[in-house]
Amino acid sequence: MTAVGAPGGPARWHGAGLGTQLWVLTARVLRAYLLDPRLLVANMLGPLLMLTMFSQMLGSLARAPGFPAGVRYVDFLVPALLITSAMQQAFGSAVGLTLEMRDGIVTRLRAMPLWPGSVLLARSLADLVRGGLQLLLILVLAALVFGFRPPGGPVGALAAGALALAVGCCLGWIFVALACWIRNAELVQSVAGLLTFPMIFASTAFVPAGGLPGWLRAVVRVNPATYGIEAARDLVLGVATPGGVAIALAVSAAVGTTAAAVAVRGFQRRP
């Protein structure tokens, strides 16, 4: 921040540029995350436990009628875990935001010459960094421990990871918007958990759409996470089309833009 004004007159404080604001605020969130080994372990273990449980419990689905021919279940599962893990980063970030609101940290930030949205955008950028580390670990361990050998090759797997980060970042704004309006950590955690459950399980994450009841298939088709999961899966399986990826990004961007506008409006609202 710099102070400017007429000689002998009162100084007016001007904040740093948006780029500097985002750099400082993002580094603040990442520093708290990296300096707490408990957060690191908890964030890394969750997806790995899901990978272990679902690959072993549901692996027999690969032999069920309606499952894509010649596709192993681990290759079917990993793209879905990339998307859901990226989304869940924002879940924890939303709870952290409500705690900062409660503890007065956000109130101190409000007193600074900052664009209000920079506080929220910095959290989203920090989620991208954390999510990237988590998704890379999932891909490495899936290959080393579970024999993950994507037909689309390493390029397809990395492209699916990049798509997962983009989709997860966009859909994660739903949880940030909840935090900005509810402002209670326990309630945010409960509501976000209720919302996460259908977004993950009422999708094609673990079972092909053809194996679901008719009414649930209708829900799957309006679930924005489904488009990201199927596009990431196509990249991993080497059958992706530009149209499928574009639709996934467009749907996620539409949801994310709307949720971000709602989040900023809620953030600006005084307690």
C-alpha atoms as a PDB file:
ATOM      1  CA  MET A   1       0.000   0.000   0.000  1.00  0.00           C
ATOM      2  CA  THR A   2       1.171   3.526  -0.697  1.00  0.00           C
ATOM      3  CA  ALA A   3       0.086   6.857   0.759  1.00  0.00           C
ATOM      4  CA  VAL A   4      -0.525   9.716  -1.672  1.00  0.00           C
ATOM      5  CA  GLY A   5      -2.004  13.157  -1.282  1.00  0.00           C
ATOM      6  CA  ALA A   6      -1.485  16.872  -1.715  1.00  0.00           C
ATOM      7  CA  PRO A   7       1.439  18.440   0.200  1.00  0.00           C
ATOM      8  CA  GLY A   8       0.260  19.294   3.662  1.00  0.00           C
ATOM      9  CA  GLY A   9      -3.066  17.534   3.090  1.00  0.00           C
ATOM     10  CA  PRO A  10      -4.310  14.209   4.421  1.00  0.00           C
ATOM     11  CA  ALA A  11      -2.844  11.100   2.854  1.00  0.00           C
ATOM     12  CA  ARG A  12      -5.041   8.663   1.017  1.00  0.00           C
ATOM     13  CA  TRP A  13      -4.114   4.992   1.091  1.00  0.00           C
ATOM     14  CA  HIS A  14      -4.218   3.045  -2.131  1.00  0.00           C
ATOM     15  CA  GLY A  15      -4.005  -0.729  -2.154  1.00  0.00           C
ATOM     16  CA  ALA A  16      -1.645  -2.795  -4.258  1.00  0.00           C
ATOM     17  CA  GLY A  17      -2.685  -4.047  -7.682  1.00  0.00           C
ATOM     18  CA  LEU A  18      -4.951  -7.064  -8.080  1.00  0.00           C
ATOM     19  CA  GLY A  19      -2.039  -9.303  -9.047  1.00  0.00           C
ATOM     20  CA  THR A  20      -0.148  -8.485  -5.859  1.00  0.00           C
ATOM     21  CA  GLN A  21      -3.273  -8.938  -3.753  1.00  0.00           C
ATOM     22  CA  LEU A  22      -3.864 -12.404  -5.196  1.00  0.00           C
ATOM     23  CA  TRP A  23      -0.202 -13.385  -4.775  1.00  0.00           C
ATOM     24  CA  VAL A  24      -0.086 -12.359  -1.107  1.00  0.00           C
ATOM     25  CA  LEU A  25      -3.484 -13.784  -0.175  1.00  0.00           C
ATOM     26  CA  THR A  26      -2.899 -17.071  -2.017  1.00  0.00           C
ATOM     27  CA  ALA A  27       0.496 -17.466  -0.340  1.00  0.00           C
ATOM     28  CA  ARG A  28      -1.174 -16.844   3.029  1.00  0.00           C
ATOM     29  CA  VAL A  29      -3.625 -19.715   2.490  1.00  0.00           C
ATOM     30  CA  LEU A  30      -0.957 -22.076   1.160  1.00  0.00           C
ATOM     31  CA  ARG A  31       1.427 -21.268   4.004  1.00  0.00           C
ATOM     32  CA  ALA A  32      -1.155 -22.301   6.587  1.00  0.00           C
ATOM     33  CA  TYR A  33      -1.788 -25.509   4.655  1.00  0.00           C
ATOM     34  CA  LEU A  34       1.847 -26.486   4.093  1.00  0.00           C
ATOM     35  CA  LEU A  35       2.929 -25.732   7.656  1.00  0.00           C
ATOM     36  CA  ASP A  36       0.310 -28.067   9.159  1.00  0.00           C
ATOM     37  CA  PRO A  37       1.281 -31.706   8.455  1.00  0.00           C
ATOM     38  CA  ARG A  38      -2.098 -32.880   9.741  1.00  0.00           C
ATOM     39  CA  LEU A  39      -3.872 -31.063   6.912  1.00  0.00           C
ATOM     40  CA  LEU A  40      -1.442 -32.492   4.397  1.00  0.00           C
ATOM     41  CA  VAL A  41      -1.995 -36.050   5.575  1.00  0.00           C
ATOM     42  CA  ALA A  42      -5.784 -35.699   5.812  1.00  0.00           C
ATOM     43  CA  ASN A  43      -6.074 -34.206   2.323  1.00  0.00           C
ATOM     44  CA  MET A  44      -3.886 -36.881   0.771  1.00  0.00           C
ATOM     45  CA  LEU A  45      -5.363 -39.889   2.578  1.00  0.00           C
ATOM     46  CA  GLY A  46      -9.020 -39.304   1.690  1.00  0.00           C
ATOM     47  CA  PRO A  47      -8.788 -39.908  -2.084  1.00  0.00           C
ATOM     48  CA  LEU A  48      -6.340 -42.765  -1.592  1.00  0.00           C
ATOM     49  CA  LEU A  49      -8.748 -44.518   0.766  1.00  0.00           C
ATOM     50  CA  MET A  50     -11.545 -44.061  -1.772  1.00  0.00           C
ATOM     51  CA  LEU A  51      -9.299 -45.454  -4.502  1.00  0.00           C
ATOM     52  CA  THR A  52      -8.466 -48.482  -2.374  1.00  0.00           C
ATOM     53  CA  MET A  53     -12.010 -49.215  -1.218  1.00  0.00           C
ATOM     54  CA  PHE A  54     -13.888 -48.672  -4.464  1.00  0.00           C
ATOM     55  CA  SER A  55     -11.318 -50.392  -6.675  1.00  0.00           C
ATOM     56  CA  GLN A  56     -11.479 -53.491  -4.474  1.00  0.00           C
ATOM     57  CA  MET A  57     -15.180 -53.470  -3.582  1.00  0.00           C
ATOM     58  CA  LEU A  58     -16.563 -52.592  -7.010  1.00  0.00           C
ATOM     59  CA  GLY A  59     -13.906 -54.103  -9.238  1.00  0.00           C
ATOM     60  CA  SER A  60     -16.263 -56.930 -10.234  1.00  0.00           C
ATOM     61  CA  LEU A  61     -18.476 -54.382 -12.017  1.00  0.00           C
ATOM     62  CA  ALA A  62     -16.050 -54.549 -14.922  1.00  0.00           C
ATOM     63  CA  ARG A  63     -17.564 -57.969 -15.727  1.00  0.00           C
ATOM     64  CA  ALA A  64     -21.180 -56.819 -15.370  1.00  0.00           C
ATOM     65  CA  PRO A  65     -23.466 -56.381 -18.418  1.00  0.00           C
ATOM     66  CA  GLY A  66     -23.461 -52.799 -19.672  1.00  0.00           C
ATOM     67  CA  PHE A  67     -19.933 -52.020 -18.482  1.00  0.00           C
ATOM     68  CA  PRO A  68     -17.679 -50.691 -21.285  1.00  0.00           C
ATOM     69  CA  ALA A  69     -16.058 -53.661 -22.991  1.00  0.00           C
ATOM     70  CA  GLY A  70     -12.344 -54.108 -22.453  1.00  0.00           C
ATOM     71  CA  VAL A  71     -12.103 -51.396 -19.764  1.00  0.00           C
ATOM     72  CA  ARG A  72     -10.635 -52.298 -16.390  1.00  0.00           C
ATOM     73  CA  TYR A  73     -12.431 -50.880 -13.374  1.00  0.00           C
ATOM     74  CA  VAL A  74      -9.373 -49.016 -12.056  1.00  0.00           C
ATOM     75  CA  ASP A  75      -9.099 -47.185 -15.396  1.00  0.00           C
ATOM     76  CA  PHE A  76     -12.823 -46.381 -15.148  1.00  0.00           C
ATOM     77  CA  LEU A  77     -12.535 -45.222 -11.527  1.00  0.00           C
ATOM     78  CA  VAL A  78      -9.426 -43.015 -11.450  1.00  0.00           C
ATOM     79  CA  PRO A  79     -10.818 -40.195 -13.673  1.00  0.00           C
ATOM     80  CA  ALA A  80     -13.872 -39.938 -11.402  1.00  0.00           C
ATOM     81  CA  LEU A  81     -11.660 -39.674  -8.323  1.00  0.00           C
ATOM     82  CA  LEU A  82      -9.675 -36.904 -10.000  1.00  0.00           C
ATOM     83  CA  ILE A  83     -12.860 -34.845 -10.403  1.00  0.00           C
ATOM     84  CA  THR A  84     -14.323 -35.577  -6.970  1.00  0.00           C
ATOM     85  CA  SER A  85     -10.998 -34.946  -5.196  1.00  0.00           C
ATOM     86  CA  ALA A  86     -10.608 -31.589  -6.933  1.00  0.00           C
ATOM     87  CA  MET A  87     -14.131 -30.630  -5.855  1.00  0.00           C
ATOM     88  CA  GLN A  88     -13.514 -31.624  -2.250  1.00  0.00           C
ATOM     89  CA  GLN A  89     -10.594 -29.219  -1.968  1.00  0.00           C
ATOM     90  CA  ALA A  90     -13.118 -26.369  -2.075  1.00  0.00           C
ATOM     91  CA  PHE A  91     -15.211 -28.124   0.570  1.00  0.00           C
ATOM     92  CA  GLY A  92     -12.403 -27.764   3.133  1.00  0.00           C
ATOM     93  CA  SER A  93     -11.560 -24.282   1.914  1.00  0.00           C
ATOM     94  CA  ALA A  94     -15.166 -23.148   2.474  1.00  0.00           C
ATOM     95  CA  VAL A  95     -15.091 -24.395   6.063  1.00  0.00           C
ATOM     96  CA  GLY A  96     -11.778 -22.592   6.591  1.00  0.00           C
ATOM     97  CA  LEU A  97     -13.296 -19.382   5.251  1.00  0.00           C
ATOM     98  CA  THR A  98     -16.170 -19.537   7.735  1.00  0.00           C
ATOM     99  CA  LEU A  99     -13.689 -20.053  10.574  1.00  0.00           C
ATOM    100  CA  GLU A 100     -11.767 -16.957   9.483  1.00  0.00           C
ATOM    101  CA  MET A 101     -15.018 -15.005   9.412  1.00  0.00           C
ATOM    102  CA  ARG A 102     -15.759 -16.157  12.948  1.00  0.00           C
ATOM    103  CA  ASP A 103     -12.252 -15.371  14.221  1.00  0.00           C
ATOM    104  CA  GLY A 104     -12.208 -11.838  12.802  1.00  0.00           C
ATOM    105  CA  ILE A 105      -9.503 -12.380  10.169  1.00  0.00           C
ATOM    106  CA  VAL A 106     -11.894 -11.488   7.356  1.00  0.00           C
ATOM    107  CA  THR A 107     -12.957  -8.369   9.259  1.00  0.00           C
ATOM    108  CA  ARG A 108      -9.330  -7.210   9.324  1.00  0.00           C
ATOM    109  CA  LEU A 109      -9.010  -7.890   5.611  1.00  0.00           C
ATOM    110  CA  ARG A 110     -12.140  -5.813   4.989  1.00  0.00           C
ATOM    111  CA  ALA A 111     -10.386  -2.844   6.611  1.00  0.00           C
ATOM    112  CA  MET A 112      -7.682  -2.971   3.936  1.00  0.00           C
ATOM    113  CA  PRO A 113      -7.996  -1.448   0.454  1.00  0.00           C
ATOM    114  CA  LEU A 114      -8.646  -4.817  -1.209  1.00  0.00           C
ATOM    115  CA  TRP A 115     -11.064  -5.877  -3.887  1.00  0.00           C
ATOM    116  CA  PRO A 116     -13.458  -8.130  -1.897  1.00  0.00           C
ATOM    117  CA  GLY A 117     -13.378 -10.839  -4.510  1.00  0.00           C
ATOM    118  CA  SER A 118      -9.596 -11.198  -4.200  1.00  0.00           C
ATOM    119  CA  VAL A 119      -9.971 -12.917  -0.823  1.00  0.00           C
ATOM    120  CA  LEU A 120     -12.224 -15.557  -2.392  1.00  0.00           C
ATOM    121  CA  LEU A 121     -10.271 -15.855  -5.636  1.00  0.00           C
ATOM    122  CA  ALA A 122      -7.046 -16.371  -3.687  1.00  0.00           C
ATOM    123  CA  ARG A 123      -8.633 -19.339  -1.928  1.00  0.00           C
ATOM    124  CA  SER A 124      -9.650 -20.784  -5.279  1.00  0.00           C
ATOM    125  CA  LEU A 125      -6.096 -20.405  -6.594  1.00  0.00           C
ATOM    126  CA  ALA A 126      -4.725 -22.063  -3.459  1.00  0.00           C
ATOM    127  CA  ASP A 127      -7.166 -24.928  -4.022  1.00  0.00           C
ATOM    128  CA  LEU A 128      -5.740 -25.326  -7.533  1.00  0.00           C
ATOM    129  CA  VAL A 129      -2.225 -25.732  -6.150  1.00  0.00           C
ATOM    130  CA  ARG A 130      -3.298 -28.155  -3.428  1.00  0.00           C
ATOM    131  CA  GLY A 131      -5.493 -30.052  -5.849  1.00  0.00           C
ATOM    132  CA  GLY A 132      -2.664 -30.366  -8.363  1.00  0.00           C
ATOM    133  CA  LEU A 133      -0.422 -31.997  -5.761  1.00  0.00           C
ATOM    134  CA  GLN A 134      -3.202 -34.327  -4.673  1.00  0.00           C
ATOM    135  CA  LEU A 135      -4.143 -35.397  -8.190  1.00  0.00           C
ATOM    136  CA  LEU A 136      -0.515 -36.059  -9.105  1.00  0.00           C
ATOM    137  CA  LEU A 137      -0.202 -38.301  -6.052  1.00  0.00           C
ATOM    138  CA  ILE A 138      -3.381 -40.177  -7.012  1.00  0.00           C
ATOM    139  CA  LEU A 139      -2.084 -40.833 -10.520  1.00  0.00           C
ATOM    140  CA  VAL A 140       1.329 -42.000  -9.315  1.00  0.00           C
ATOM    141  CA  LEU A 141       0.010 -44.334  -6.620  1.00  0.00           C
ATOM    142  CA  ALA A 142      -2.770 -45.657  -8.848  1.00  0.00           C
ATOM    143  CA  ALA A 143      -0.098 -46.631 -11.373  1.00  0.00           C
ATOM    144  CA  LEU A 144       2.353 -48.081  -8.837  1.00  0.00           C
ATOM    145  CA  VAL A 145      -0.078 -49.884  -6.511  1.00  0.00           C
ATOM    146  CA  PHE A 146      -3.222 -50.640  -8.528  1.00  0.00           C
ATOM    147  CA  GLY A 147      -1.770 -51.131 -11.994  1.00  0.00           C
ATOM    148  CA  PHE A 148      -3.434 -48.073 -13.514  1.00  0.00           C
ATOM    149  CA  ARG A 149      -2.466 -48.151 -17.190  1.00  0.00           C
ATOM    150  CA  PRO A 150      -4.605 -45.611 -19.036  1.00  0.00           C
ATOM    151  CA  PRO A 151      -5.251 -46.514 -22.672  1.00  0.00           C
ATOM    152  CA  GLY A 152      -4.882 -42.811 -23.429  1.00  0.00           C
ATOM    153  CA  GLY A 153      -1.316 -42.945 -22.121  1.00  0.00           C
ATOM    154  CA  PRO A 154       0.422 -40.461 -19.820  1.00  0.00           C
ATOM    155  CA  VAL A 155      -0.750 -37.552 -21.974  1.00  0.00           C
ATOM    156  CA  GLY A 156      -4.379 -38.601 -21.570  1.00  0.00           C
ATOM    157  CA  ALA A 157      -3.974 -39.046 -17.809  1.00  0.00           C
ATOM    158  CA  LEU A 158      -2.321 -35.643 -17.382  1.00  0.00           C
ATOM    159  CA  ALA A 159      -4.955 -34.011 -19.584  1.00  0.00           C
ATOM    160  CA  ALA A 160      -7.651 -35.608 -17.421  1.00  0.00           C
ATOM    161  CA  GLY A 161      -5.912 -34.210 -14.339  1.00  0.00           C
ATOM    162  CA  ALA A 162      -5.823 -30.718 -15.848  1.00  0.00           C
ATOM    163  CA  LEU A 163      -9.502 -30.982 -16.768  1.00  0.00           C
ATOM    164  CA  ALA A 164     -10.298 -32.189 -13.248  1.00  0.00           C
ATOM    165  CA  LEU A 165      -8.592 -29.125 -11.765  1.00  0.00           C
ATOM    166  CA  ALA A 166     -10.587 -26.795 -14.019  1.00  0.00           C
ATOM    167  CA  VAL A 167     -13.909 -28.531 -13.346  1.00  0.00           C
ATOM    168  CA  GLY A 168     -13.238 -28.885  -9.616  1.00  0.00           C
ATOM    169  CA  CYS A 169     -12.253 -25.223  -9.332  1.00  0.00           C
ATOM    170  CA  CYS A 170     -15.461 -24.097 -11.044  1.00  0.00           C
ATOM    171  CA  LEU A 171     -17.820 -26.378  -9.139  1.00  0.00           C
ATOM    172  CA  GLY A 172     -15.986 -25.610  -5.902  1.00  0.00           C
ATOM    173  CA  TRP A 173     -17.408 -22.084  -5.970  1.00  0.00           C
ATOM    174  CA  ILE A 174     -20.723 -23.614  -4.912  1.00  0.00           C
ATOM    175  CA  PHE A 175     -19.185 -24.393  -1.504  1.00  0.00           C
ATOM    176  CA  VAL A 176     -17.535 -20.967  -1.276  1.00  0.00           C
ATOM    177  CA  ALA A 177     -20.917 -19.336  -1.932  1.00  0.00           C
ATOM    178  CA  LEU A 178     -22.447 -21.421   0.850  1.00  0.00           C
ATOM    179  CA  ALA A 179     -19.725 -20.265   3.226  1.00  0.00           C
ATOM    180  CA  CYS A 180     -20.235 -16.598   2.327  1.00  0.00           C
ATOM    181  CA  TRP A 181     -23.960 -16.730   3.012  1.00  0.00           C
ATOM    182  CA  ILE A 182     -24.251 -19.207   5.887  1.00  0.00           C
ATOM    183  CA  ARG A 183     -21.128 -18.104   7.823  1.00  0.00           C
ATOM    184  CA  ASN A 184     -21.282 -20.945  10.311  1.00  0.00           C
ATOM    185  CA  ALA A 185     -18.608 -23.634  10.046  1.00  0.00           C
ATOM    186  CA  GLU A 186     -20.713 -26.478  11.437  1.00  0.00           C
ATOM    187  CA  LEU A 187     -23.732 -25.633   9.271  1.00  0.00           C
ATOM    188  CA  VAL A 188     -21.588 -25.113   6.168  1.00  0.00           C
ATOM    189  CA  GLN A 189     -19.987 -28.503   6.724  1.00  0.00           C
ATOM    190  CA  SER A 190     -23.389 -30.174   7.059  1.00  0.00           C
ATOM    191  CA  VAL A 191     -25.010 -28.467   4.068  1.00  0.00           C
ATOM    192  CA  ALA A 192     -21.940 -28.898   1.859  1.00  0.00           C
ATOM    193  CA  GLY A 193     -21.756 -32.563   2.842  1.00  0.00           C
ATOM    194  CA  LEU A 194     -25.393 -33.075   1.880  1.00  0.00           C
ATOM    195  CA  LEU A 195     -24.742 -31.376  -1.447  1.00  0.00           C
ATOM    196  CA  THR A 196     -21.531 -33.296  -2.129  1.00  0.00           C
ATOM    197  CA  PHE A 197     -23.157 -36.698  -1.676  1.00  0.00           C
ATOM    198  CA  PRO A 198     -25.527 -36.487  -4.676  1.00  0.00           C
ATOM    199  CA  MET A 199     -22.972 -34.636  -6.804  1.00  0.00           C
ATOM    200  CA  ILE A 200     -20.574 -37.573  -6.408  1.00  0.00           C
ATOM    201  CA  PHE A 201     -22.850 -40.602  -6.159  1.00  0.00           C
ATOM    202  CA  ALA A 202     -25.707 -39.424  -8.425  1.00  0.00           C
ATOM    203  CA  SER A 203     -23.269 -39.359 -11.321  1.00  0.00           C
ATOM    204  CA  THR A 204     -21.352 -41.820 -13.463  1.00  0.00           C
ATOM    205  CA  ALA A 205     -18.409 -41.756 -11.081  1.00  0.00           C
ATOM    206  CA  PHE A 206     -18.613 -45.399  -9.985  1.00  0.00           C
ATOM    207  CA  VAL A 207     -21.239 -47.029 -12.226  1.00  0.00           C
ATOM    208  CA  PRO A 208     -22.070 -46.476 -15.923  1.00  0.00           C
ATOM    209  CA  ALA A 209     -25.328 -44.615 -16.516  1.00  0.00           C
ATOM    210  CA  GLY A 210     -26.802 -47.715 -18.157  1.00  0.00           C
ATOM    211  CA  GLY A 211     -26.580 -49.608 -14.866  1.00  0.00           C
ATOM    212  CA  LEU A 212     -28.667 -47.076 -12.954  1.00  0.00           C
ATOM    213  CA  PRO A 213     -32.467 -46.936 -12.484  1.00  0.00           C
ATOM    214  CA  GLY A 214     -34.313 -44.740 -14.943  1.00  0.00           C
ATOM    215  CA  TRP A 215     -35.164 -41.985 -12.459  1.00  0.00           C
ATOM    216  CA  LEU A 216     -31.533 -41.822 -11.310  1.00  0.00           C
ATOM    217  CA  ARG A 217     -30.283 -41.590 -14.891  1.00  0.00           C
ATOM    218  CA  ALA A 218     -32.368 -38.429 -15.241  1.00  0.00           C
ATOM    219  CA  VAL A 219     -30.657 -36.962 -12.165  1.00  0.00           C
ATOM    220  CA  VAL A 220     -27.259 -37.981 -13.511  1.00  0.00           C
ATOM    221  CA  ARG A 221     -27.843 -36.035 -16.705  1.00  0.00           C
ATOM    222  CA  VAL A 222     -28.520 -32.745 -14.888  1.00  0.00           C
ATOM    223  CA  ASN A 223     -25.590 -33.219 -12.511  1.00  0.00           C
ATOM    224  CA  PRO A 224     -22.780 -30.873 -13.666  1.00  0.00           C
ATOM    225  CA  ALA A 225     -20.144 -33.212 -12.210  1.00  0.00           C
ATOM    226  CA  THR A 226     -21.206 -35.944 -14.654  1.00  0.00           C
ATOM    227  CA  TYR A 227     -19.960 -33.972 -17.661  1.00  0.00           C
ATOM    228  CA  GLY A 228     -16.529 -33.470 -16.112  1.00  0.00           C
ATOM    229  CA  ILE A 229     -16.272 -37.115 -15.039  1.00  0.00           C
ATOM    230  CA  GLU A 230     -17.176 -38.468 -18.462  1.00  0.00           C
ATOM    231  CA  ALA A 231     -14.858 -36.069 -20.298  1.00  0.00           C
ATOM    232  CA  ALA A 232     -11.956 -36.950 -17.976  1.00  0.00           C
ATOM    233  CA  ARG A 233     -12.723 -40.655 -18.408  1.00  0.00           C
ATOM    234  CA  ASP A 234     -12.706 -40.306 -22.198  1.00  0.00           C
ATOM    235  CA  LEU A 235      -9.284 -38.639 -21.995  1.00  0.00           C
ATOM    236  CA  VAL A 236      -7.940 -41.488 -19.858  1.00  0.00           C
ATOM    237  CA  LEU A 237      -9.449 -44.134 -22.151  1.00  0.00           C
ATOM    238  CA  GLY A 238      -8.151 -42.402 -25.273  1.00  0.00           C
ATOM    239  CA  VAL A 239     -11.583 -41.808 -26.837  1.00  0.00           C
ATOM    240  CA  ALA A 240     -12.049 -38.123 -25.997  1.00  0.00           C
ATOM    241  CA  THR A 241     -13.564 -35.678 -28.455  1.00  0.00           C
ATOM    242  CA  PRO A 242     -13.072 -31.896 -28.403  1.00  0.00           C
ATOM    243  CA  GLY A 243     -16.838 -31.509 -28.098  1.00  0.00           C
ATOM    244  CA  GLY A 244     -17.073 -33.582 -24.925  1.00  0.00           C
ATOM    245  CA  VAL A 245     -14.274 -31.660 -23.233  1.00  0.00           C
ATOM    246  CA  ALA A 246     -15.726 -28.324 -24.376  1.00  0.00           C
ATOM    247  CA  ILE A 247     -19.173 -29.199 -22.992  1.00  0.00           C
ATOM    248  CA  ALA A 248     -17.678 -30.218 -19.645  1.00  0.00           C
ATOM    249  CA  LEU A 249     -15.748 -26.957 -19.402  1.00  0.00           C
ATOM    250  CA  ALA A 250     -18.707 -24.853 -20.534  1.00  0.00           C
ATOM    251  CA  VAL A 251     -21.128 -26.415 -18.029  1.00  0.00           C
ATOM    252  CA  SER A 252     -18.615 -26.102 -15.186  1.00  0.00           C
ATOM    253  CA  ALA A 253     -17.756 -22.506 -16.135  1.00  0.00           C
ATOM    254  CA  ALA A 254     -21.444 -21.535 -16.203  1.00  0.00           C
ATOM    255  CA  VAL A 255     -22.008 -23.040 -12.751  1.00  0.00           C
ATOM    256  CA  GLY A 256     -18.777 -21.572 -11.390  1.00  0.00           C
ATOM    257  CA  THR A 257     -19.403 -18.063 -12.724  1.00  0.00           C
ATOM    258  CA  THR A 258     -22.897 -17.993 -11.248  1.00  0.00           C
ATOM    259  CA  ALA A 259     -21.726 -19.361  -7.902  1.00  0.00           C
ATOM    260  CA  ALA A 260     -18.787 -16.918  -7.801  1.00  0.00           C
ATOM    261  CA  ALA A 261     -21.107 -13.937  -8.327  1.00  0.00           C
ATOM    262  CA  VAL A 262     -23.333 -15.211  -5.514  1.00  0.00           C
ATOM    263  CA  ALA A 263     -20.274 -15.756  -3.293  1.00  0.00           C
ATOM    264  CA  VAL A 264     -18.896 -12.239  -3.806  1.00  0.00           C
ATOM    265  CA  ARG A 265     -22.312 -10.731  -3.104  1.00  0.00           C
ATOM    266  CA  GLY A 266     -22.588 -12.757   0.092  1.00  0.00           C
ATOM    267  CA  PHE A 267     -19.047 -11.886   1.113  1.00  0.00           C
ATOM    268  CA  GLN A 268     -19.728  -8.163   0.790  1.00  0.00           C
ATOM    269  CA  ARG A 269     -22.796  -8.471   2.994  1.00  0.00           C
ATOM    270  CA  ARG A 270     -22.101  -7.154   6.477  1.00  0.00           C
ATOM    271  CA  PRO A 271     -22.552  -9.589   9.416  1.00  0.00           C
END
